[in-house]
Amino acid sequence: MSKIDRLQWTQKVAALNERIRGFQANPSQEQLELAIRELRAYADAANEGMEIPPRFIAN
């Protein structure tokens, strides 16, 4: 995994975690929609070929 790939992956995970924390702190419909949108962005990035370290892939 290149440094750029690692940076992109780290940024996606950080954004996803931040949205989930936001929902947990304020469980509103708006926060839920933002978290779902972030999950979809993460999934789209993975489908576009973003390399994800094997230890973070659920089997």
N, C-alpha and C. Protein backbone atom coordinates (compact mmCIF):
# COMPACT_ATOMS: atom_id res chain seq x y z
N MET A 1 0.85 -1.16 0.00
CA MET A 1 0.00 0.00 0.00
C MET A 1 0.90 1.23 0.00
N SER A 2 0.67 2.10 -0.94
CA SER A 2 1.49 3.31 -1.05
C SER A 2 1.11 4.31 0.03
N LYS A 3 1.96 5.30 0.23
CA LYS A 3 1.69 6.33 1.23
C LYS A 3 0.43 7.12 0.88
N ILE A 4 0.23 7.38 -0.40
CA ILE A 4 -0.96 8.12 -0.82
C ILE A 4 -2.21 7.30 -0.56
N ASP A 5 -2.18 6.00 -0.89
CA ASP A 5 -3.32 5.13 -0.62
C ASP A 5 -3.61 5.06 0.87
N ARG A 6 -2.56 4.95 1.66
CA ARG A 6 -2.71 4.89 3.11
C ARG A 6 -3.32 6.19 3.63
N LEU A 7 -2.89 7.32 3.11
CA LEU A 7 -3.44 8.61 3.52
C LEU A 7 -4.92 8.71 3.15
N GLN A 8 -5.28 8.31 1.93
CA GLN A 8 -6.68 8.35 1.51
C GLN A 8 -7.54 7.45 2.40
N TRP A 9 -7.04 6.26 2.68
CA TRP A 9 -7.79 5.33 3.50
C TRP A 9 -7.96 5.90 4.90
N THR A 10 -6.90 6.45 5.46
CA THR A 10 -6.95 7.04 6.79
C THR A 10 -7.96 8.18 6.85
N GLN A 11 -7.99 9.01 5.82
CA GLN A 11 -8.94 10.12 5.79
C GLN A 11 -10.38 9.61 5.72
N LYS A 12 -10.62 8.58 4.93
CA LYS A 12 -11.97 8.01 4.83
C LYS A 12 -12.41 7.43 6.17
N VAL A 13 -11.53 6.70 6.83
CA VAL A 13 -11.86 6.10 8.12
C VAL A 13 -12.11 7.19 9.16
N ALA A 14 -11.29 8.22 9.17
CA ALA A 14 -11.47 9.32 10.12
C ALA A 14 -12.81 10.02 9.91
N ALA A 15 -13.16 10.27 8.65
CA ALA A 15 -14.44 10.92 8.35
C ALA A 15 -15.61 10.03 8.78
N LEU A 16 -15.50 8.75 8.51
CA LEU A 16 -16.55 7.81 8.88
C LEU A 16 -16.70 7.75 10.40
N ASN A 17 -15.60 7.65 11.11
CA ASN A 17 -15.65 7.61 12.57
C ASN A 17 -16.23 8.90 13.15
N GLU A 18 -15.89 10.02 12.57
CA GLU A 18 -16.41 11.30 13.04
C GLU A 18 -17.93 11.36 12.87
N ARG A 19 -18.41 10.90 11.74
CA ARG A 19 -19.88 10.91 11.50
C ARG A 19 -20.59 9.98 12.48
N ILE A 20 -20.00 8.82 12.73
CA ILE A 20 -20.63 7.88 13.67
C ILE A 20 -20.64 8.47 15.08
N ARG A 21 -19.55 9.11 15.48
CA ARG A 21 -19.51 9.77 16.78
C ARG A 21 -20.56 10.88 16.87
N GLY A 22 -20.72 11.61 15.78
CA GLY A 22 -21.73 12.66 15.74
C GLY A 22 -23.13 12.10 15.94
N PHE A 23 -23.40 10.97 15.32
CA PHE A 23 -24.70 10.32 15.49
C PHE A 23 -24.87 9.81 16.92
N GLN A 24 -23.83 9.23 17.48
CA GLN A 24 -23.92 8.72 18.85
C GLN A 24 -24.14 9.85 19.85
N ALA A 25 -23.51 10.99 19.62
CA ALA A 25 -23.65 12.12 20.52
C ALA A 25 -25.02 12.79 20.37
N ASN A 26 -25.57 12.76 19.17
CA ASN A 26 -26.84 13.43 18.88
C ASN A 26 -27.63 12.54 17.93
N PRO A 27 -28.27 11.48 18.44
CA PRO A 27 -28.96 10.54 17.55
C PRO A 27 -30.23 11.11 16.91
N SER A 28 -30.02 11.95 15.93
CA SER A 28 -31.14 12.55 15.21
C SER A 28 -31.18 11.98 13.79
N GLN A 29 -32.27 12.21 13.12
CA GLN A 29 -32.41 11.74 11.74
C GLN A 29 -31.34 12.36 10.85
N GLU A 30 -31.04 13.63 11.08
CA GLU A 30 -30.03 14.32 10.28
C GLU A 30 -28.65 13.67 10.46
N GLN A 31 -28.29 13.39 11.71
CA GLN A 31 -26.99 12.77 11.98
C GLN A 31 -26.94 11.35 11.40
N LEU A 32 -28.06 10.64 11.47
CA LEU A 32 -28.12 9.30 10.89
C LEU A 32 -27.90 9.36 9.38
N GLU A 33 -28.56 10.29 8.71
CA GLU A 33 -28.39 10.43 7.27
C GLU A 33 -26.96 10.80 6.90
N LEU A 34 -26.32 11.66 7.70
CA LEU A 34 -24.92 12.01 7.44
C LEU A 34 -24.01 10.80 7.61
N ALA A 35 -24.26 9.99 8.64
CA ALA A 35 -23.46 8.79 8.86
C ALA A 35 -23.65 7.79 7.72
N ILE A 36 -24.87 7.61 7.26
CA ILE A 36 -25.14 6.70 6.15
C ILE A 36 -24.47 7.21 4.88
N ARG A 37 -24.52 8.50 4.64
CA ARG A 37 -23.87 9.09 3.47
C ARG A 37 -22.35 8.84 3.52
N GLU A 38 -21.77 8.97 4.70
CA GLU A 38 -20.33 8.73 4.85
C GLU A 38 -20.00 7.26 4.64
N LEU A 39 -20.86 6.36 5.13
CA LEU A 39 -20.66 4.93 4.88
C LEU A 39 -20.70 4.61 3.39
N ARG A 40 -21.63 5.23 2.69
CA ARG A 40 -21.73 5.02 1.25
C ARG A 40 -20.49 5.55 0.53
N ALA A 41 -19.99 6.70 0.95
CA ALA A 41 -18.77 7.26 0.35
C ALA A 41 -17.59 6.31 0.57
N TYR A 42 -17.52 5.72 1.75
CA TYR A 42 -16.45 4.76 2.05
C TYR A 42 -16.59 3.53 1.15
N ALA A 43 -17.80 3.03 1.04
CA ALA A 43 -18.04 1.86 0.19
C ALA A 43 -17.73 2.16 -1.28
N ASP A 44 -18.12 3.33 -1.74
CA ASP A 44 -17.82 3.73 -3.12
C ASP A 44 -16.32 3.79 -3.36
N ALA A 45 -15.59 4.35 -2.40
CA ALA A 45 -14.14 4.44 -2.54
C ALA A 45 -13.52 3.05 -2.59
N ALA A 46 -14.04 2.13 -1.78
CA ALA A 46 -13.53 0.76 -1.80
C ALA A 46 -13.83 0.09 -3.13
N ASN A 47 -15.01 0.36 -3.68
CA ASN A 47 -15.38 -0.23 -4.98
C ASN A 47 -14.58 0.35 -6.13
N GLU A 48 -14.08 1.57 -5.95
CA GLU A 48 -13.29 2.22 -7.01
C GLU A 48 -11.83 1.82 -6.97
N GLY A 49 -11.49 0.89 -6.08
CA GLY A 49 -10.14 0.39 -6.07
C GLY A 49 -9.27 0.90 -4.95
N MET A 50 -9.84 1.64 -4.00
CA MET A 50 -9.05 2.07 -2.86
C MET A 50 -8.59 0.83 -2.12
N GLU A 51 -7.32 0.70 -1.92
CA GLU A 51 -6.77 -0.47 -1.24
C GLU A 51 -7.04 -0.35 0.25
N ILE A 52 -7.66 -1.38 0.82
CA ILE A 52 -7.96 -1.40 2.25
C ILE A 52 -7.07 -2.46 2.89
N PRO A 53 -6.37 -2.14 3.96
CA PRO A 53 -5.52 -3.13 4.61
C PRO A 53 -6.33 -4.36 5.01
N PRO A 54 -5.81 -5.56 4.79
CA PRO A 54 -6.56 -6.79 5.07
C PRO A 54 -7.08 -6.90 6.49
N ARG A 55 -6.38 -6.34 7.45
CA ARG A 55 -6.85 -6.49 8.83
C ARG A 55 -8.14 -5.73 9.10
N PHE A 56 -8.55 -4.84 8.19
CA PHE A 56 -9.77 -4.08 8.35
C PHE A 56 -10.91 -4.60 7.47
N ILE A 57 -10.72 -5.74 6.87
CA ILE A 57 -11.76 -6.32 6.02
C ILE A 57 -12.44 -7.45 6.78
N ALA A 58 -13.76 -7.36 6.92
CA ALA A 58 -14.52 -8.42 7.60
C ALA A 58 -14.67 -9.61 6.67
N ASN A 59 -14.46 -10.77 7.24
CA ASN A 59 -14.60 -12.00 6.45
C ASN A 59 -15.94 -12.64 6.71
